[in-house]
Amino acid sequence: MAKGLQPVQGMSDLSGGELRLWQGMEATARRVFAAHGFSELRTPLLEDVSLFTRAVGETTSVVRKEMYDFEKGHLHLALRPEGTAGVIRHASTVGAQEAAGARWFYIGPMFRHERPQAGRRRQFHQAGVECLAPPSPRTDAEILSLQVDLLRAWGIEARARVNTRGAAGDHVAVAAGLKEALAPHRAALCADCQRRMDENVLRVLDCKNPACGEIVAGLPPVTTWMGDEAKAYFAETLRLLGVLGVEADVSPLLVRGLDYYEHTIWEITGATGAQDALAGGGRYRMDLGGEEWCGVGFAIGLERVAGLLAATGKADAVAVPPAKLAWLVGMGPAAEERLFRTMRAWRADGIPCRMGEGSLKKQMRQADKAGAAYAVLCGDAELAAGTLVVKDMASGEQRALPEAEARATLRSLLA
């Protein structure tokens, strides 16, 4: 590799202690998801661009500004900017009968072309779930509580902000009501929000422009224009969250950024610096190729979780410990050849081990650099006696053992 060549801006490598943290986060997520009856699903990183324009929405910032898409031959493809659309595409592939009631989780990279900053990358990673079930306040409350449970399993106490997008039949009335409420302020809105008023007025509520934010803060809650059924659904969801002991604050102007949401939506926040939202989710309804799919799910940004764990001193408690390793040190050609054979046999027996080359001093430095827990030394004397010297690298204590006993001892110590 050329000297100084770096990862693409907004993308990064993971290794060493940082990678062990991620492995621990992922292992915890798999355990929590399994306890809630979810099984893993892996979908491609590349999908036809039409999947996201249909499912996520052509007027969303994700599709308009952030999605990586390109043409290759006769195909127009996109790197996935989020996980839900691919899961629903898979459900459509396997068919409604098999997918009905499915509970899937995913862990993997997503891609968005946005300005890199704290907790936000162009290649970022999410852990998420999708429960393909018809609208139900009980299911919505269960999935939101699962997200809180996962954060707690990582050692993070966070709080949910919830709102409702209403039933599908309310969306036209909500949009009309918002347009009417915003009309007197149209000239004061930013250019993007003036366009959003015509294309998708809900996006105005998402605007980060401070001037637009002041206008939005004075608007009536979106429930003003919803029917009694949607209000009752939301009230029951809040009640059931209370039954589960999940604390949630109603946020009347929360809309989330994607077009497919209906009924319950939420964000979960924590002390993460400039980017406060750790995670979000909600209930959705989307149409793919004439098939309508209903479900509820969430996604958690793993970069933000990792950053919060590091900032609060909790990373070590979540990270998987470094792998224990034995380092075989041969002193002389005959001993090195014997240990070379031994290394293969021990690996087959489940004993993690390596060898180096060079002088005794050099090999011991190699063992120390690799973080080996034990060194196993063999020279002419050990060859003649059929023994190996096992040295504890931390304490310096060492003892000569018959080869079979050394093997059994290390198998136990490195388990």
Protein backbone atom coordinates (compact mmCIF):
# COMPACT_ATOMS: atom_id res chain seq x y z
CA MET A 1 0.00 0.00 0.00
CA ALA A 2 1.27 3.48 -0.86
CA LYS A 3 2.67 5.42 2.09
CA GLY A 4 0.14 7.82 3.55
CA LEU A 5 -2.88 6.30 1.77
CA GLN A 6 -5.87 6.77 4.08
CA PRO A 7 -9.45 5.45 4.22
CA VAL A 8 -12.05 7.41 2.28
CA GLN A 9 -13.22 10.48 4.21
CA GLY A 10 -15.98 9.54 6.60
CA MET A 11 -14.98 5.87 6.68
CA SER A 12 -12.57 4.19 9.06
CA ASP A 13 -10.78 0.98 9.99
CA LEU A 14 -11.48 -0.94 13.18
CA SER A 15 -8.76 -2.86 15.00
CA GLY A 16 -7.30 -3.68 18.40
CA GLY A 17 -9.19 -2.52 21.47
CA GLU A 18 -11.71 -0.54 19.42
CA LEU A 19 -12.63 -3.65 17.46
CA ARG A 20 -12.96 -5.68 20.66
CA LEU A 21 -15.48 -3.09 21.88
CA TRP A 22 -17.50 -3.50 18.69
CA GLN A 23 -17.35 -7.28 18.98
CA GLY A 24 -18.65 -7.02 22.54
CA MET A 25 -21.44 -4.66 21.47
CA GLU A 26 -22.46 -7.00 18.67
CA ALA A 27 -22.37 -10.10 20.91
CA THR A 28 -24.57 -8.35 23.47
CA ALA A 29 -27.01 -7.28 20.75
CA ARG A 30 -27.28 -10.83 19.41
CA ARG A 31 -27.98 -12.15 22.91
CA VAL A 32 -30.69 -9.54 23.60
CA PHE A 33 -32.30 -9.99 20.18
CA ALA A 34 -32.41 -13.76 20.63
CA ALA A 35 -34.08 -13.34 24.03
CA HIS A 36 -36.87 -11.43 22.27
CA GLY A 37 -37.38 -14.08 19.58
CA PHE A 38 -35.52 -12.40 16.70
CA SER A 39 -33.35 -14.25 14.17
CA GLU A 40 -30.61 -12.73 12.01
CA LEU A 41 -31.12 -11.60 8.43
CA ARG A 42 -28.30 -10.46 6.14
CA THR A 43 -29.25 -8.46 3.07
CA PRO A 44 -26.95 -7.12 0.29
CA LEU A 45 -25.16 -3.81 0.66
CA LEU A 46 -26.19 -3.01 -2.93
CA GLU A 47 -29.81 -2.82 -4.03
CA ASP A 48 -31.66 -1.44 -7.02
CA VAL A 49 -32.05 2.29 -6.46
CA SER A 50 -35.81 2.05 -6.98
CA LEU A 51 -36.12 0.13 -3.71
CA PHE A 52 -35.10 3.19 -1.72
CA THR A 53 -36.94 5.77 -3.83
CA ARG A 54 -40.15 3.77 -3.31
CA ALA A 55 -39.69 2.68 0.29
CA VAL A 56 -37.82 5.62 1.84
CA GLY A 57 -39.37 8.37 -0.31
CA GLU A 58 -38.12 10.40 -3.26
CA THR A 59 -38.48 13.70 -1.38
CA THR A 60 -36.49 12.67 1.70
CA SER A 61 -33.03 14.07 2.32
CA VAL A 62 -31.69 10.51 2.42
CA VAL A 63 -32.69 9.89 -1.20
CA ARG A 64 -32.28 13.41 -2.57
CA LYS A 65 -28.91 14.31 -1.03
CA GLU A 66 -27.24 11.49 0.87
CA MET A 67 -27.63 8.21 -0.98
CA TYR A 68 -24.65 6.80 -2.90
CA ASP A 69 -26.04 5.66 -6.24
CA PHE A 70 -24.41 4.84 -9.56
CA GLU A 71 -25.06 3.16 -12.88
CA LYS A 72 -23.28 -0.01 -13.98
CA GLY A 73 -24.27 -1.35 -17.35
CA HIS A 74 -28.07 -1.34 -17.46
CA LEU A 75 -28.39 -1.30 -13.65
CA HIS A 76 -28.98 1.73 -11.44
CA LEU A 77 -27.73 0.69 -8.00
CA ALA A 78 -27.40 2.23 -4.54
CA LEU A 79 -25.43 1.44 -1.41
CA ARG A 80 -28.03 0.92 1.28
CA PRO A 81 -28.60 4.09 3.34
CA GLU A 82 -30.78 2.28 5.91
CA GLY A 83 -31.82 -1.26 6.78
CA THR A 84 -35.61 -1.47 6.72
CA ALA A 85 -36.12 -1.30 2.95
CA GLY A 86 -33.82 -4.27 2.31
CA VAL A 87 -35.60 -6.34 4.96
CA ILE A 88 -38.98 -5.63 3.38
CA ARG A 89 -37.56 -6.42 -0.06
CA HIS A 90 -36.47 -9.79 1.37
CA ALA A 91 -39.95 -10.32 2.80
CA SER A 92 -41.41 -9.65 -0.63
CA THR A 93 -38.95 -12.13 -2.13
CA VAL A 94 -39.91 -14.99 0.20
CA GLY A 95 -43.61 -14.14 0.11
CA ALA A 96 -46.26 -12.92 2.50
CA GLN A 97 -47.07 -16.34 3.94
CA GLU A 98 -43.51 -17.05 5.07
CA ALA A 99 -42.78 -13.48 6.13
CA ALA A 100 -45.98 -12.93 8.15
CA GLY A 101 -45.07 -12.32 11.79
CA ALA A 102 -41.32 -12.54 11.06
CA ARG A 103 -38.89 -11.11 13.59
CA TRP A 104 -35.55 -10.31 11.99
CA PHE A 105 -32.52 -8.41 13.19
CA TYR A 106 -29.53 -7.09 11.26
CA ILE A 107 -26.10 -5.73 12.15
CA GLY A 108 -24.00 -4.11 9.46
CA PRO A 109 -22.80 -1.08 7.51
CA MET A 110 -24.95 1.60 5.87
CA PHE A 111 -23.79 4.48 3.65
CA ARG A 112 -24.79 8.13 3.40
CA HIS A 113 -22.90 11.01 1.82
CA GLU A 114 -23.13 13.60 4.58
CA ARG A 115 -20.63 15.77 6.38
CA PRO A 116 -18.60 13.62 8.79
CA GLN A 117 -18.81 14.76 12.42
CA ALA A 118 -18.93 13.36 15.95
CA GLY A 119 -20.84 10.08 15.85
CA ARG A 120 -21.73 10.43 12.16
CA ARG A 121 -19.79 8.72 9.39
CA ARG A 122 -20.33 8.16 5.68
CA GLN A 123 -19.97 4.45 6.28
CA PHE A 124 -21.76 3.86 9.54
CA HIS A 125 -23.06 0.75 11.26
CA GLN A 126 -26.46 -0.08 12.67
CA ALA A 127 -28.00 -2.80 14.77
CA GLY A 128 -31.71 -2.98 14.07
CA VAL A 129 -34.83 -5.11 14.16
CA GLU A 130 -37.96 -5.45 12.07
CA CYS A 131 -41.14 -7.11 13.35
CA LEU A 132 -43.56 -7.69 10.48
CA ALA A 133 -46.84 -7.47 12.35
CA PRO A 134 -50.05 -5.47 11.76
CA PRO A 135 -50.65 -2.29 13.76
CA SER A 136 -50.79 -3.04 17.48
CA PRO A 137 -50.00 -0.74 20.41
CA ARG A 138 -48.73 -3.78 22.34
CA THR A 139 -46.21 -4.66 19.65
CA ASP A 140 -45.08 -1.05 19.31
CA ALA A 141 -44.49 -0.81 23.07
CA GLU A 142 -42.66 -4.15 23.09
CA ILE A 143 -40.25 -3.13 20.32
CA LEU A 144 -39.52 0.27 21.86
CA SER A 145 -38.83 -1.45 25.20
CA LEU A 146 -36.50 -3.89 23.42
CA GLN A 147 -34.45 -0.94 22.20
CA VAL A 148 -34.24 0.46 25.74
CA ASP A 149 -33.29 -3.01 27.05
CA LEU A 150 -30.47 -3.28 24.54
CA LEU A 151 -29.05 0.10 25.48
CA ARG A 152 -29.21 -0.87 29.14
CA ALA A 153 -27.43 -4.14 28.38
CA TRP A 154 -24.60 -1.97 27.02
CA GLY A 155 -24.65 0.08 30.23
CA ILE A 156 -26.46 3.10 28.76
CA GLU A 157 -29.39 4.77 30.47
CA ALA A 158 -31.32 6.77 27.90
CA ARG A 159 -34.79 8.24 27.48
CA ALA A 160 -37.34 7.93 24.69
CA ARG A 161 -39.14 10.76 22.93
CA VAL A 162 -42.32 9.50 21.26
CA ASN A 163 -44.99 10.82 18.94
CA THR A 164 -47.52 9.53 16.46
CA ARG A 165 -47.72 9.97 12.70
CA GLY A 166 -51.35 8.86 12.85
CA ALA A 167 -53.07 6.24 10.75
CA ALA A 168 -52.50 6.19 7.00
CA GLY A 169 -55.92 7.80 6.52
CA ASP A 170 -54.87 10.80 8.62
CA HIS A 171 -51.83 11.75 6.55
CA VAL A 172 -53.69 13.92 4.02
CA ALA A 173 -55.47 15.86 6.76
CA VAL A 174 -52.25 16.32 8.74
CA ALA A 175 -50.41 17.60 5.66
CA ALA A 176 -53.21 20.02 4.84
CA GLY A 177 -53.34 21.28 8.42
CA LEU A 178 -49.59 21.83 8.57
CA LYS A 179 -49.60 23.70 5.25
CA GLU A 180 -52.35 25.97 6.50
CA ALA A 181 -50.50 26.61 9.78
CA LEU A 182 -47.23 27.31 7.97
CA ALA A 183 -48.67 29.45 5.17
CA PRO A 184 -48.38 32.79 7.04
CA HIS A 185 -44.69 32.04 7.70
CA ARG A 186 -43.74 30.74 4.25
CA ALA A 187 -41.56 33.71 3.31
CA ALA A 188 -39.55 33.34 6.52
CA LEU A 189 -38.77 29.67 5.89
CA CYS A 190 -35.51 28.60 4.30
CA ALA A 191 -35.53 27.73 0.58
CA ASP A 192 -35.50 24.00 1.33
CA CYS A 193 -38.55 24.29 3.59
CA GLN A 194 -40.43 26.35 1.04
CA ARG A 195 -39.89 23.49 -1.39
CA ARG A 196 -40.82 20.96 1.29
CA MET A 197 -44.17 22.67 1.82
CA ASP A 198 -45.07 21.67 -1.72
CA GLU A 199 -43.40 18.25 -1.82
CA ASN A 200 -43.72 16.84 1.72
CA VAL A 201 -44.64 19.34 4.40
CA LEU A 202 -43.68 17.01 7.29
CA ARG A 203 -40.03 17.51 6.34
CA VAL A 204 -40.35 21.14 7.51
CA LEU A 205 -40.62 19.82 11.08
CA ASP A 206 -37.24 18.11 10.61
CA CYS A 207 -35.38 21.23 9.45
CA LYS A 208 -32.18 22.08 11.34
CA ASN A 209 -32.27 25.77 10.35
CA PRO A 210 -32.70 27.79 13.59
CA ALA A 211 -35.13 30.25 12.00
CA CYS A 212 -37.33 27.42 10.75
CA GLY A 213 -37.06 25.76 14.14
CA GLU A 214 -38.54 28.84 15.84
CA ILE A 215 -41.51 28.77 13.47
CA VAL A 216 -42.02 25.02 13.93
CA ALA A 217 -41.93 25.37 17.73
CA GLY A 218 -45.06 27.54 17.54
CA LEU A 219 -47.10 25.09 15.48
CA PRO A 220 -49.97 23.02 16.90
CA PRO A 221 -49.13 19.34 17.55
CA VAL A 222 -49.71 17.06 14.55
CA THR A 223 -52.40 15.20 16.54
CA THR A 224 -54.58 18.30 16.04
CA TRP A 225 -55.51 16.99 12.59
CA MET A 226 -55.76 13.27 13.42
CA GLY A 227 -58.85 11.17 13.96
CA ASP A 228 -59.97 9.64 17.24
CA GLU A 229 -58.71 6.16 16.25
CA ALA A 230 -55.10 7.35 15.86
CA LYS A 231 -55.26 9.29 19.13
CA ALA A 232 -56.63 6.25 20.97
CA TYR A 233 -53.90 4.04 19.44
CA PHE A 234 -51.21 6.43 20.66
CA ALA A 235 -52.74 6.73 24.12
CA GLU A 236 -52.80 2.94 24.48
CA THR A 237 -49.18 2.68 23.34
CA LEU A 238 -48.17 5.20 26.01
CA ARG A 239 -50.16 3.29 28.63
CA LEU A 240 -48.46 0.00 27.71
CA LEU A 241 -45.04 1.65 27.87
CA GLY A 242 -45.94 2.57 31.42
CA VAL A 243 -46.92 -1.04 32.12
CA LEU A 244 -43.44 -2.08 30.94
CA GLY A 245 -41.77 0.57 33.06
CA VAL A 246 -40.39 2.46 30.05
CA GLU A 247 -40.13 6.21 30.59
CA ALA A 248 -41.13 8.18 27.51
CA ASP A 249 -41.69 11.88 26.84
CA VAL A 250 -44.29 12.89 24.27
CA SER A 251 -42.63 15.09 21.62
CA PRO A 252 -45.51 16.60 19.58
CA LEU A 253 -43.36 17.75 16.65
CA LEU A 254 -41.22 14.63 16.25
CA VAL A 255 -41.75 13.18 12.76
CA ARG A 256 -38.62 11.11 11.93
CA GLY A 257 -37.04 11.50 8.50
CA LEU A 258 -38.56 8.76 6.33
CA ASP A 259 -41.88 8.66 4.52
CA TYR A 260 -42.99 5.15 5.44
CA TYR A 261 -43.85 5.78 9.11
CA GLU A 262 -47.33 5.66 10.63
CA HIS A 263 -48.64 5.57 14.19
CA THR A 264 -45.90 5.28 16.84
CA ILE A 265 -42.49 6.85 16.17
CA TRP A 266 -39.67 7.53 18.60
CA GLU A 267 -36.11 8.65 19.18
CA ILE A 268 -33.87 7.69 22.08
CA THR A 269 -31.38 10.22 23.33
CA GLY A 270 -28.27 10.17 25.48
CA ALA A 271 -25.31 12.39 26.32
CA THR A 272 -23.43 12.00 23.02
CA GLY A 273 -22.31 15.56 22.40
CA ALA A 274 -23.38 17.37 19.25
CA GLN A 275 -25.45 14.49 17.90
CA ASP A 276 -27.86 13.78 20.74
CA ALA A 277 -30.07 11.10 19.13
CA LEU A 278 -28.62 7.66 19.79
CA ALA A 279 -31.32 5.71 18.02
CA GLY A 280 -34.80 5.78 16.62
CA GLY A 281 -37.60 3.67 15.29
CA GLY A 282 -41.29 3.37 14.68
CA ARG A 283 -44.17 1.68 12.96
CA TYR A 284 -44.30 1.76 9.18
CA ARG A 285 -46.34 0.83 6.16
CA MET A 286 -44.72 0.56 2.76
CA ASP A 287 -45.75 -0.51 -0.71
CA LEU A 288 -43.31 -2.50 -2.83
CA GLY A 289 -44.46 -3.54 -6.27
CA GLY A 290 -48.12 -3.42 -5.31
CA GLU A 291 -47.62 -5.38 -2.06
CA GLU A 292 -48.28 -3.56 1.20
CA TRP A 293 -46.16 -4.41 4.22
CA CYS A 294 -46.71 -3.39 7.82
CA GLY A 295 -44.20 -3.61 10.62
CA VAL A 296 -42.40 -1.90 13.45
CA GLY A 297 -38.68 -1.66 14.05
CA PHE A 298 -35.70 0.40 15.06
CA ALA A 299 -32.03 1.01 14.32
CA ILE A 300 -29.19 2.00 16.64
CA GLY A 301 -26.08 3.76 15.36
CA LEU A 302 -23.15 1.74 16.67
CA GLU A 303 -20.60 4.53 16.20
CA ARG A 304 -22.59 6.73 18.57
CA VAL A 305 -22.95 3.94 21.11
CA ALA A 306 -19.22 3.18 20.97
CA GLY A 307 -18.39 6.86 21.41
CA LEU A 308 -20.70 7.16 24.41
CA LEU A 309 -19.28 4.03 26.06
CA ALA A 310 -15.74 5.34 25.60
CA ALA A 311 -16.65 8.80 26.92
CA THR A 312 -18.31 7.38 30.05
CA GLY A 313 -15.58 4.86 30.84
CA LYS A 314 -17.79 1.84 30.15
CA ALA A 315 -16.05 0.49 27.04
CA ASP A 316 -13.92 -2.08 28.87
CA ALA A 317 -16.97 -3.62 30.52
CA VAL A 318 -18.58 -4.23 27.11
CA ALA A 319 -15.51 -5.15 25.05
CA VAL A 320 -14.52 -8.77 24.61
CA PRO A 321 -11.23 -9.51 26.39
CA PRO A 322 -8.06 -9.93 24.32
CA ALA A 323 -7.56 -13.49 23.09
CA LYS A 324 -5.21 -15.57 25.25
CA LEU A 325 -2.25 -16.93 23.32
CA ALA A 326 0.69 -19.27 23.81
CA TRP A 327 3.95 -18.42 22.02
CA LEU A 328 6.19 -21.35 21.13
CA VAL A 329 9.91 -20.52 21.41
CA GLY A 330 12.41 -22.91 19.84
CA MET A 331 16.12 -22.77 20.69
CA GLY A 332 17.93 -24.50 17.85
CA PRO A 333 16.81 -26.07 14.56
CA ALA A 334 15.71 -29.42 16.05
CA ALA A 335 13.61 -27.74 18.76
CA GLU A 336 12.06 -25.33 16.26
CA GLU A 337 11.01 -28.20 14.01
CA ARG A 338 9.51 -30.08 16.93
CA LEU A 339 7.52 -27.02 18.01
CA PHE A 340 6.43 -26.39 14.42
CA ARG A 341 4.74 -29.82 14.43
CA THR A 342 3.45 -29.27 17.96
CA MET A 343 1.87 -25.96 16.97
CA ARG A 344 -0.36 -27.60 14.37
CA ALA A 345 -1.42 -30.38 16.73
CA TRP A 346 -2.18 -27.95 19.54
CA ARG A 347 -4.25 -25.69 17.30
CA ALA A 348 -6.34 -28.70 16.29
CA ASP A 349 -6.84 -29.34 20.01
CA GLY A 350 -8.18 -25.82 20.53
CA ILE A 351 -5.02 -24.26 21.97
CA PRO A 352 -4.35 -20.85 20.36
CA CYS A 353 -0.63 -20.59 19.67
CA ARG A 354 1.98 -19.01 17.42
CA MET A 355 5.70 -19.17 16.69
CA GLY A 356 8.30 -16.62 15.79
CA GLU A 357 11.81 -16.81 14.43
CA GLY A 358 15.27 -15.62 15.42
CA SER A 359 17.24 -15.58 18.65
CA LEU A 360 15.71 -16.41 22.02
CA LYS A 361 15.66 -12.72 22.92
CA LYS A 362 13.98 -11.79 19.65
CA GLN A 363 11.35 -14.51 19.99
CA MET A 364 10.52 -13.41 23.53
CA ARG A 365 10.12 -9.81 22.33
CA GLN A 366 7.76 -11.10 19.64
CA ALA A 367 5.75 -12.97 22.28
CA ASP A 368 5.53 -9.86 24.44
CA LYS A 369 4.47 -7.64 21.53
CA ALA A 370 1.74 -10.12 20.57
CA GLY A 371 0.40 -10.04 24.12
CA ALA A 372 0.99 -13.75 24.63
CA ALA A 373 -0.12 -15.01 28.04
CA TYR A 374 2.40 -17.86 28.05
CA ALA A 375 5.67 -18.73 26.37
CA VAL A 376 6.51 -22.38 25.73
CA LEU A 377 10.25 -22.92 25.47
CA CYS A 378 12.08 -25.90 24.04
CA GLY A 379 15.83 -26.45 23.59
CA ASP A 380 18.17 -29.41 23.38
CA ALA A 381 17.69 -30.29 27.06
CA GLU A 382 13.89 -30.32 26.70
CA LEU A 383 14.15 -32.42 23.54
CA ALA A 384 16.21 -35.00 25.37
CA ALA A 385 13.89 -35.06 28.40
CA GLY A 386 10.61 -34.93 26.45
CA THR A 387 9.53 -31.80 28.33
CA LEU A 388 8.52 -28.21 27.62
CA VAL A 389 9.03 -25.13 29.77
CA VAL A 390 5.80 -23.16 30.29
CA LYS A 391 6.41 -19.54 31.32
CA ASP A 392 3.77 -17.15 32.62
CA MET A 393 4.52 -13.91 30.78
CA ALA A 394 2.93 -11.73 33.48
CA SER A 395 4.57 -13.19 36.59
CA GLY A 396 7.71 -14.66 35.04
CA GLU A 397 7.05 -17.96 36.79
CA GLN A 398 8.04 -21.00 34.75
CA ARG A 399 8.07 -24.76 35.14
CA ALA A 400 9.16 -27.77 33.11
CA LEU A 401 6.36 -30.21 32.29
CA PRO A 402 6.10 -33.41 30.24
CA GLU A 403 4.75 -32.49 26.81
CA ALA A 404 1.34 -34.13 27.39
CA GLU A 405 0.95 -32.32 30.71
CA ALA A 406 2.01 -29.00 29.15
CA ARG A 407 -0.61 -29.50 26.48
CA ALA A 408 -3.36 -30.25 29.01
CA THR A 409 -2.29 -27.34 31.23
CA LEU A 410 -2.39 -24.82 28.39
CA ARG A 411 -5.69 -26.15 27.12
CA SER A 412 -7.14 -25.36 30.56
CA LEU A 413 -5.36 -22.01 31.03
CA LEU A 414 -6.26 -20.67 27.58
CA ALA A 415 -9.84 -21.89 27.53
